[in-house]
Protein backbone atom coordinates (compact mmCIF):
# COMPACT_ATOMS: atom_id res chain seq x y z
CA MET A 1 -6.35 -24.56 15.97
CA GLY A 2 -4.84 -21.61 17.79
CA VAL A 3 -4.34 -18.08 16.87
CA ALA A 4 -1.62 -17.64 14.21
CA THR A 5 1.92 -16.95 15.37
CA ALA A 6 4.98 -16.01 13.39
CA PRO A 7 6.59 -19.06 11.73
CA ALA A 8 9.88 -20.26 13.22
CA GLY A 9 13.05 -19.32 11.36
CA PRO A 10 15.58 -16.59 11.23
CA LEU A 11 14.98 -13.26 9.60
CA ALA A 12 16.33 -12.75 6.17
CA ASP A 13 20.03 -12.06 6.02
CA ALA A 14 20.67 -8.53 4.91
CA ASP A 15 22.73 -9.09 1.91
CA LEU A 16 22.31 -5.38 1.22
CA THR A 17 25.05 -2.91 0.42
CA GLY A 18 22.81 0.23 0.29
CA PRO A 19 22.93 3.15 2.72
CA GLY A 20 21.05 1.26 5.46
CA ARG A 21 17.77 1.50 7.35
CA ALA A 22 18.71 4.56 9.43
CA HIS A 23 19.44 6.53 6.27
CA TRP A 24 16.18 5.64 4.57
CA LEU A 25 14.13 6.41 7.68
CA ARG A 26 15.80 9.82 7.91
CA VAL A 27 15.03 10.42 4.17
CA ALA A 28 11.36 9.37 4.73
CA ARG A 29 10.99 11.75 7.71
CA GLU A 30 12.45 14.58 5.70
CA SER A 31 10.19 13.79 2.70
CA ALA A 32 7.14 13.55 5.01
CA ASP A 33 8.02 16.96 6.56
CA ASP A 34 8.32 18.39 3.08
CA LEU A 35 4.96 16.99 2.01
CA ALA A 36 3.31 18.22 5.18
CA THR A 37 4.13 21.86 4.48
CA ASP A 38 1.65 22.10 1.66
CA ALA A 39 -0.50 18.99 2.20
CA VAL A 40 -3.79 20.85 2.59
CA ALA A 41 -3.37 23.08 -0.45
CA ARG A 42 -2.23 20.20 -2.66
CA GLU A 43 -5.09 17.99 -1.54
CA GLN A 44 -7.64 20.70 -2.18
CA ALA A 45 -6.16 21.47 -5.64
CA GLY A 46 -6.43 17.81 -6.54
CA LYS A 47 -3.93 17.88 -9.37
CA PRO A 48 -2.11 14.82 -10.64
CA PRO A 49 0.82 14.41 -8.26
CA LEU A 50 3.61 14.86 -10.79
CA ASP A 51 5.52 17.18 -8.43
CA GLU A 52 5.09 14.75 -5.51
CA VAL A 53 6.44 11.85 -7.56
CA SER A 54 9.43 14.09 -8.46
CA ARG A 55 10.04 14.66 -4.77
CA LEU A 56 10.02 10.93 -4.09
CA ARG A 57 12.27 10.24 -7.08
CA GLU A 58 14.82 12.90 -5.97
CA ALA A 59 14.85 11.47 -2.48
CA GLY A 60 15.68 8.03 -3.91
CA LEU A 61 12.53 6.41 -2.55
CA LEU A 62 11.23 5.02 -5.82
CA THR A 63 14.19 2.64 -6.09
CA LEU A 64 14.38 1.84 -2.44
CA LEU A 65 13.71 -1.92 -2.85
CA VAL A 66 15.93 -2.44 -5.87
CA PRO A 67 19.22 -4.17 -4.91
CA ALA A 68 22.15 -1.81 -4.63
CA GLY A 69 24.02 -3.91 -7.18
CA SER A 70 21.29 -3.10 -9.72
CA GLY A 71 21.41 0.63 -8.98
CA GLY A 72 18.78 0.82 -6.28
CA GLY A 73 18.61 1.65 -2.59
CA GLY A 74 19.24 -1.94 -1.42
CA ALA A 75 16.66 -1.85 1.33
CA ASP A 76 14.40 -4.57 2.63
CA TRP A 77 10.63 -4.90 3.16
CA PRO A 78 10.65 -3.82 6.81
CA THR A 79 12.33 -0.56 5.74
CA ALA A 80 9.81 -0.08 2.86
CA TYR A 81 6.95 -0.60 5.29
CA ALA A 82 8.36 2.04 7.66
CA VAL A 83 8.80 4.49 4.80
CA VAL A 84 5.24 4.09 3.56
CA ARG A 85 3.93 4.61 7.12
CA GLU A 86 6.10 7.73 7.60
CA ILE A 87 4.93 9.25 4.29
CA ALA A 88 1.31 8.41 5.09
CA THR A 89 1.37 10.43 8.32
CA ALA A 90 1.87 13.53 6.18
CA ASP A 91 -0.08 12.63 3.03
CA ALA A 92 -2.06 9.35 2.90
CA ALA A 93 -2.68 9.60 -0.81
CA ILE A 94 1.04 9.83 -1.61
CA GLY A 95 1.63 7.03 0.88
CA GLN A 96 -0.86 4.91 -1.12
CA LEU A 97 0.84 5.82 -4.36
CA LEU A 98 4.27 4.86 -2.91
CA ALA A 99 2.82 1.60 -1.44
CA GLY A 100 1.36 0.57 -4.77
CA HIS A 101 4.58 1.34 -6.49
CA TYR A 102 6.60 -0.79 -4.10
CA PHE A 103 4.27 -3.77 -4.45
CA LEU A 104 3.91 -3.62 -8.28
CA SER A 105 7.60 -2.94 -8.90
CA TRP A 106 8.50 -5.97 -6.72
CA SER A 107 5.89 -8.26 -8.27
CA ALA A 108 8.43 -9.69 -10.77
CA ARG A 109 10.37 -11.08 -7.83
CA PHE A 110 7.30 -13.19 -6.91
CA LEU A 111 6.07 -14.08 -10.39
CA ALA A 112 8.86 -14.01 -12.97
CA GLU A 113 12.04 -16.04 -13.51
CA PRO A 114 14.97 -14.55 -11.51
CA ALA A 115 16.86 -13.44 -14.62
CA HIS A 116 13.74 -11.73 -16.01
CA ALA A 117 13.07 -9.96 -12.70
CA ALA A 118 16.73 -8.83 -12.47
CA ARG A 119 16.60 -7.31 -15.97
CA LEU A 120 13.40 -5.49 -15.08
CA GLU A 121 14.87 -4.13 -11.84
CA ARG A 122 17.98 -2.83 -13.56
CA GLN A 123 15.88 -0.90 -16.12
CA CYS A 124 13.50 0.28 -13.40
CA ALA A 125 16.48 1.75 -11.40
CA ALA A 126 18.22 3.20 -14.42
CA GLU A 127 15.12 5.04 -15.66
CA GLN A 128 13.62 5.75 -12.15
CA TRP A 129 10.24 4.30 -13.03
CA CYS A 130 7.14 4.95 -10.99
CA TRP A 131 4.74 2.00 -11.20
CA GLY A 132 0.99 2.00 -11.14
CA GLY A 133 -1.90 -0.37 -11.95
CA GLY A 134 -3.29 -3.27 -9.94
CA LEU A 135 -3.26 -7.09 -9.92
CA ALA A 136 -6.48 -7.72 -7.96
CA GLY A 137 -9.35 -9.47 -9.76
CA GLN A 138 -12.00 -7.51 -11.65
CA ASP A 139 -15.60 -8.12 -12.55
CA VAL A 140 -14.76 -7.73 -16.29
CA PRO A 141 -11.13 -8.82 -16.66
CA LEU A 142 -8.62 -7.67 -19.28
CA THR A 143 -7.98 -10.25 -21.90
CA LEU A 144 -4.76 -11.35 -23.52
CA ALA A 145 -5.32 -12.90 -26.93
CA ARG A 146 -3.05 -14.27 -29.65
CA ALA A 147 -2.64 -12.14 -32.70
CA ARG A 148 -0.36 -12.02 -35.69
CA GLY A 149 3.13 -11.62 -34.47
CA GLY A 150 2.42 -12.12 -30.77
CA GLN A 151 -0.30 -11.18 -28.31
CA VAL A 152 -2.56 -8.17 -27.64
CA LEU A 153 -4.12 -6.83 -24.52
CA ASP A 154 -7.71 -5.56 -24.54
CA GLY A 155 -10.21 -4.23 -22.00
CA ARG A 156 -10.76 -1.62 -19.42
CA GLN A 157 -9.65 -1.48 -15.75
CA SER A 158 -12.05 0.85 -13.97
CA TYR A 159 -9.68 1.89 -11.20
CA ALA A 160 -5.97 1.60 -10.68
CA THR A 161 -3.67 3.56 -8.37
CA GLY A 162 -0.99 5.74 -9.94
CA VAL A 163 -2.11 5.48 -13.57
CA LEU A 164 -1.90 9.25 -14.11
CA VAL A 165 1.78 9.38 -13.22
CA ALA A 166 3.10 5.85 -13.94
CA ASP A 167 5.98 5.01 -16.14
CA ARG A 168 4.97 1.39 -16.07
CA LEU A 169 1.67 -0.36 -15.41
CA ALA A 170 1.31 -3.82 -13.90
CA VAL A 171 -2.10 -5.28 -14.59
CA ARG A 172 -4.03 -8.56 -14.35
CA ALA A 173 -5.26 -10.14 -17.58
CA VAL A 174 -6.71 -13.51 -18.44
CA ARG A 175 -5.53 -15.55 -21.37
CA ALA A 176 -8.37 -15.68 -23.85
CA ASP A 177 -7.85 -19.35 -24.77
CA THR A 178 -7.25 -20.88 -21.38
CA GLY A 179 -8.64 -18.34 -18.90
CA GLU A 180 -5.35 -18.38 -16.92
CA PRO A 181 -4.81 -15.09 -15.09
CA LEU A 182 -1.45 -13.40 -15.74
CA ALA A 183 0.45 -10.39 -14.54
CA VAL A 184 1.42 -8.15 -17.44
CA VAL A 185 3.65 -5.07 -17.55
CA VAL A 186 2.78 -2.32 -20.09
CA ASP A 187 4.36 1.00 -20.94
CA PRO A 188 1.49 3.50 -20.73
CA ALA A 189 2.98 5.44 -23.62
CA ARG A 190 2.46 2.44 -25.87
CA HIS A 191 -0.06 2.78 -28.71
CA GLY A 192 -3.52 1.68 -27.65
CA VAL A 193 -3.18 2.55 -23.94
CA GLY A 194 -5.45 5.37 -22.59
CA THR A 195 -5.57 6.54 -19.03
CA GLY A 196 -8.32 8.68 -17.52
CA GLY A 197 -8.42 10.82 -14.41
CA ASP A 198 -12.09 9.86 -13.90
CA ALA A 199 -11.80 8.68 -10.30
CA ASP A 200 -14.22 10.84 -8.36
CA ALA A 201 -13.69 9.51 -4.86
CA PHE A 202 -13.98 12.02 -2.08
CA GLY A 203 -10.67 10.88 -0.52
CA GLN A 204 -7.20 9.76 -1.64
CA ARG A 205 -7.50 12.28 -4.48
CA LEU A 206 -3.71 12.50 -4.96
CA ALA A 207 -3.18 8.77 -5.42
CA ALA A 208 -3.30 9.41 -9.21
CA GLY A 209 -6.02 6.82 -9.54
CA GLY A 210 -8.23 6.43 -12.61
CA SER A 211 -9.26 4.08 -15.32
CA VAL A 212 -7.00 2.62 -17.97
CA GLU A 213 -8.07 1.15 -21.31
CA PHE A 214 -6.23 -1.20 -23.61
CA ASP A 215 -7.08 -1.44 -27.29
CA ALA A 216 -5.15 -4.18 -29.03
CA VAL A 217 -1.97 -3.20 -27.14
CA PRO A 218 0.95 -5.40 -28.31
CA VAL A 219 2.42 -7.55 -25.55
CA THR A 220 5.79 -9.31 -25.84
CA PRO A 221 6.86 -12.43 -23.91
CA ASP A 222 8.99 -10.20 -21.65
CA ASP A 223 5.94 -8.18 -20.75
CA VAL A 224 4.33 -11.22 -19.09
CA LEU A 225 5.59 -11.57 -15.55
CA GLY A 226 3.90 -14.85 -14.69
CA SER A 227 0.79 -16.60 -13.60
CA LEU A 228 -1.63 -15.38 -10.93
CA SER A 229 -3.43 -18.72 -10.74
CA VAL A 230 -4.52 -19.91 -7.31
CA ASP A 231 -4.06 -23.56 -8.30
CA GLU A 232 -1.52 -25.09 -5.83
CA ASP A 233 0.21 -26.64 -8.87
CA ASP A 234 1.02 -23.20 -10.12
CA LEU A 235 1.07 -21.19 -6.91
CA SER A 236 3.94 -22.08 -4.63
CA PRO A 237 3.93 -20.82 -1.00
CA VAL A 238 6.84 -18.46 -1.73
CA THR A 239 4.81 -16.97 -4.68
CA ALA A 240 1.69 -16.86 -2.52
CA MET A 241 3.61 -14.51 -0.13
CA ALA A 242 2.79 -11.73 -2.60
CA SER A 243 -0.59 -11.58 -0.87
CA PRO A 244 0.47 -10.79 2.75
CA VAL A 245 3.39 -8.69 1.50
CA GLY A 246 1.06 -6.41 -0.46
CA ARG A 247 -1.76 -6.35 2.13
CA LEU A 248 0.69 -5.42 4.91
CA LEU A 249 1.36 -2.23 2.94
CA SER A 250 -2.28 -1.27 3.47
CA VAL A 251 -1.81 -1.91 7.16
CA GLN A 252 1.08 0.50 7.31
CA LEU A 253 -0.83 3.10 5.29
CA ARG A 254 -3.77 2.95 7.73
CA LEU A 255 -1.48 3.24 10.74
CA GLY A 256 0.15 6.28 9.16
CA MET A 257 -3.25 7.87 8.73
CA ALA A 258 -4.15 7.26 12.42
CA GLU A 259 -0.79 8.52 13.66
CA GLY A 260 -0.85 11.55 11.34
CA VAL A 261 -4.23 12.81 12.41
CA LEU A 262 -3.50 12.25 16.12
CA ALA A 263 -0.19 14.13 15.81
CA GLU A 264 -1.84 17.06 14.02
CA ALA A 265 -4.79 17.23 16.35
CA ARG A 266 -2.44 17.17 19.30
CA GLU A 267 -0.46 20.10 17.97
CA TYR A 268 -3.63 21.99 17.41
CA SER A 269 -4.96 21.17 20.86
CA ARG A 270 -1.69 22.21 22.56
CA ALA A 271 -1.98 25.59 20.87
CA GLY A 272 -5.34 26.03 22.64
CA HIS A 273 -7.27 27.13 19.52
CA ALA A 274 -10.45 24.99 19.84
CA HIS A 275 -12.75 25.91 22.68
CA ARG A 276 -15.25 23.56 24.24
CA HIS A 277 -15.60 25.71 27.34
CA ALA A 278 -15.14 29.46 27.53
CA ALA A 279 -12.37 29.18 30.16
CA ARG A 280 -10.80 25.90 28.98
CA PRO A 281 -9.41 25.18 25.51
CA ALA A 282 -10.25 21.76 24.13
CA GLY A 283 -7.35 19.42 24.30
CA ALA A 284 -5.68 21.31 27.11
CA PRO A 285 -4.46 19.36 30.16
CA GLN A 286 -7.61 20.49 32.09
CA ASP A 287 -10.05 18.99 29.59
CA PRO A 288 -11.03 15.48 30.75
CA HIS A 289 -12.97 14.79 27.61
CA ALA A 290 -9.99 15.38 25.36
CA LEU A 291 -7.66 13.46 27.67
CA ALA A 292 -9.96 10.40 27.66
CA ALA A 293 -10.35 10.56 23.85
CA TYR A 294 -6.62 10.97 23.24
CA GLY A 295 -5.96 8.05 25.71
CA GLU A 296 -8.37 5.75 24.01
CA LEU A 297 -7.23 6.56 20.51
CA THR A 298 -3.59 6.16 21.56
CA VAL A 299 -4.26 2.72 23.00
CA LEU A 300 -6.23 1.74 19.89
CA THR A 301 -3.46 2.84 17.51
CA ARG A 302 -0.65 1.43 19.58
CA SER A 303 -2.41 -1.92 19.86
CA ALA A 304 -2.91 -2.00 16.04
CA SER A 305 0.73 -1.07 15.66
CA ALA A 306 1.85 -3.92 17.96
CA LEU A 307 -0.15 -6.38 15.89
CA ALA A 308 1.25 -4.95 12.75
CA ASP A 309 4.77 -5.52 14.12
CA GLN A 310 3.96 -9.17 14.70
CA ALA A 311 2.67 -9.48 11.16
CA LEU A 312 5.76 -7.72 9.78
CA GLU A 313 8.04 -10.12 11.61
CA ALA A 314 6.05 -13.11 10.25
CA VAL A 315 6.15 -11.69 6.69
CA HIS A 316 9.88 -11.11 6.87
CA ALA A 317 10.50 -14.60 8.32
CA GLY A 318 8.26 -16.10 5.58
CA LEU A 319 10.31 -14.41 2.85
CA ALA A 320 13.46 -15.61 4.51
CA ARG A 321 12.25 -19.19 4.32
CA GLY A 322 12.13 -18.95 0.53
CA GLU A 323 11.52 -22.25 -1.19
CA ASP A 324 11.41 -24.02 2.20
CA LEU A 325 8.17 -22.17 3.19
CA THR A 326 5.23 -24.51 3.63
CA TYR A 327 1.50 -23.86 2.91
CA ASP A 328 0.84 -24.09 6.64
CA GLU A 329 3.46 -21.40 7.38
CA TYR A 330 2.11 -19.24 4.61
CA ALA A 331 -1.36 -19.57 6.14
CA ASP A 332 -0.05 -18.47 9.53
CA VAL A 333 1.53 -15.38 7.96
CA SER A 334 -1.56 -14.46 5.91
CA VAL A 335 -3.87 -14.72 8.93
CA LEU A 336 -1.62 -12.58 11.08
CA VAL A 337 -1.70 -9.90 8.29
CA ALA A 338 -5.51 -10.22 8.14
CA MET A 339 -5.66 -9.53 11.88
CA ALA A 340 -3.46 -6.46 11.51
CA GLU A 341 -5.66 -5.27 8.62
CA ALA A 342 -8.73 -5.41 10.83
CA ALA A 343 -7.01 -3.67 13.77
CA SER A 344 -5.43 -0.93 11.62
CA SER A 345 -8.72 -0.30 9.81
CA ARG A 346 -10.50 0.37 13.05
CA ALA A 347 -7.68 2.51 14.33
CA ALA A 348 -7.63 4.64 11.16
CA GLN A 349 -11.41 5.07 11.00
CA GLU A 350 -11.92 5.94 14.67
CA SER A 351 -8.93 8.17 14.96
CA THR A 352 -9.72 10.22 11.87
CA ALA A 353 -13.38 10.59 12.85
CA ARG A 354 -13.03 11.30 16.53
CA ALA A 355 -10.15 13.70 16.11
CA LEU A 356 -12.69 16.08 14.55
CA ASP A 357 -14.73 15.89 17.76
CA ILE A 358 -11.67 16.57 19.87
CA VAL A 359 -10.75 19.71 17.85
CA GLY A 360 -14.30 20.79 17.80
CA ALA A 361 -16.31 22.95 15.40
CA ARG A 362 -13.14 24.52 13.96
CA SER A 363 -12.24 21.12 12.54
CA ALA A 364 -14.78 21.96 9.82
CA SER A 365 -12.50 24.66 8.50
CA MET A 366 -11.27 23.92 4.98
CA ARG A 367 -8.22 25.98 5.72
CA LEU A 368 -7.13 23.57 8.45
CA GLY A 369 -7.87 20.51 6.36
CA PHE A 370 -8.61 18.12 9.15
CA ASP A 371 -11.37 16.57 7.02
CA ARG A 372 -8.82 15.15 4.57
CA PHE A 373 -7.70 12.52 7.14
CA TRP A 374 -11.17 11.17 7.54
CA ARG A 375 -11.97 11.24 3.78
CA ASN A 376 -8.66 9.49 3.01
CA ALA A 377 -9.11 6.78 5.66
CA ARG A 378 -12.72 6.15 4.75
CA THR A 379 -11.99 5.88 0.99
CA HIS A 380 -9.18 3.48 1.53
CA THR A 381 -11.12 1.26 3.85
CA LEU A 382 -14.02 1.17 1.40
CA TYR A 383 -11.71 -0.09 -1.35
CA GLU A 384 -10.05 -2.54 1.19
CA PRO A 385 -12.90 -3.69 3.41
CA VAL A 386 -11.98 -5.82 6.48
CA GLY A 387 -15.16 -8.01 6.50
CA PRO A 388 -13.63 -10.70 4.30
CA ARG A 389 -10.42 -10.65 6.35
CA LEU A 390 -12.30 -11.15 9.58
CA ARG A 391 -14.17 -14.14 8.07
CA GLU A 392 -10.81 -15.63 7.07
CA VAL A 393 -9.41 -15.25 10.62
CA GLY A 394 -12.56 -16.82 12.03
CA ASP A 395 -12.49 -19.70 9.58
CA TYR A 396 -8.86 -20.34 10.29
CA PHE A 397 -9.34 -20.20 14.08
CA LEU A 398 -12.45 -22.38 14.02
CA ASN A 399 -11.79 -24.79 11.15
CA GLY A 400 -8.12 -24.47 10.27
CA THR A 401 -9.05 -23.33 6.79
CA HIS A 402 -6.18 -21.73 4.87
CA PRO A 403 -7.03 -18.18 3.71
CA PRO A 404 -7.38 -17.55 -0.04
CA PHE A 405 -4.81 -15.84 -2.18
CA VAL A 406 -5.97 -12.20 -2.26
CA LEU A 407 -4.00 -9.35 -3.72
CA PRO A 408 -4.52 -5.71 -2.56
CA VAL A 409 -6.72 -3.47 -4.64
């Protein structure tokens, strides 16, 4: 069994009538520049990112993936990945918020009937929803039980991205009578839903994360998107693509963190502020230590980026295969994404940590805010550890074992 390669097949036809990729990349750069102007102050204030979500909404980025015919931006996943990465270079927490929004708002495409998904997308575009929640498994799952007149949702999800600003929550619940896991959409304004800003992580503080509780919340048939069962009788290869699609968002987020800290450290070094030697500013062309560090981190980040590009091409090709996608092809895609996860995690952690050494003692200044890059990267990689992904790559390489269906936290 060799190392995974992208499955054969053409990329998806762009049956899109939106403004196009160039437009959205320009909008993303402008939005990132806007977020960068007050990134340090906003991160230190730690307020729920209501203003930041308004900025994304006004830029049209919340409806980016909704078909143009349904009132959205008409963009594809490669464009959405590029947008998340661009935003993350300026503000990793808002990048995470946007990434979670894209994955959860698209989840109906993977799990629900086409007509159901289309209705949901039209309403999402019309009302400019921001999505939050999470579909990954929990130690104590939410339960969906039958009640008079329908079903009710009960339980507590200890952490979910975007809950403090979300217009819709997509969560995982198990059916009380059968144990089948389901994806459920809930309006957080509905009676019985309570959200709490009790996330006390030292990083990603503006991702609007927190707990959410459900106390006999009514659930209609339209609120149930579909099954999250890993049984191959229920989980088709095309539905299983939800896993690599979502996990590749984390890859782009990590790469944005690495590229963002290197760009900011470079600008600071070029200005000659940090001094390692009385006659030679750190990061200046004469400093061999800074040159070597920048060189090594650039190679590390560019290498991870190249692997991410291979994974993106594989994901895009897998989506284009649609119902013709096989389990073997899905496994190839999933393993490539796992490789990119491992490489991007290392790039983000090393770049955000070692950039502090390059800048020197002044990187400890709260006014400069260099620490936020490290705190954000470390927090994200703790929630999304790469150890399991590396084991999956090794098991696939050695034994040909298909990786499990794993959704991003």
